[in-house]
């Protein structure tokens, strides 16, 4: 029975691989017929990877990327590196948004250094809505949260939706902080991160929600919350948020400007 299960699993893996290889041909044929669907659903990670590679090969002018969740895993960064460098070598303009907590991830900083040298523009901000990749303002790849394991994606070609996504990206980009990979950059962003944590505490958000919103592990986020409460003299998380909001005061203003900000630890990859 175990041999039979293994044999069937190998058959399924082979079928998925063959279908993934055919996906670009299907996309090309549909485009040639002028019958592109406005939204397509991709069910598996292998198909998503194949379509991303095909879209990157076709990209000629611009790619806009939103990568929330702190630092990314080395495997995913390595998988994206050759694709990114190929686009940059063709003169494609590349703009990527990370969260501030990605600055605490060494693999992410090394990746940013490589693509920045090739011409990519990278910025970070305190919060990001969700993952998105937009190719030439004609195709967006968005996560499909309805799939069982969350590995699926949606391909969006509807012009009005694409225009909305681009405007949203540009709004966040204009307020984001440039990511200099040769330095930790916490002098520029630690205050933003603390203010975001305080704002979420004042809203009554739970630790898990705060951690997810700022791209930290729950353990590390709780450590930052404890430090903020101690500096404010607050007895509860909600009280800390209310006190800080009421006095328009952040821990950075009171206690951290005289010391060197330390790197944030515990960032995790949620992509």
Foldseek 3Di string as FASTA:
>chain_A
DVVVVVVVVVVVVVVVLVVLVCVLVVVVVCVVVVNDDQKDKFFALSNVLSVVLSLLVVFQAEKEKEAEQAAADLVVLVSCQVSLLVSLVNVYAYEYEYALNNLLPLSSLVSCVVSVVSPYWYWHAQFDDATWMQGPLQWIWGFDCVHPVRSMIMIGGPNVVSVVVVVVRVVVVVPTGTDDSVDSCCVPPVQRNQLQQLQCLLVVDDLVVNCRGRNFDSVLSVVSLVVLCVLQVHPDSNRSSVSCVVVVHTCCVPPVVVDDDDRRDGGDRPD
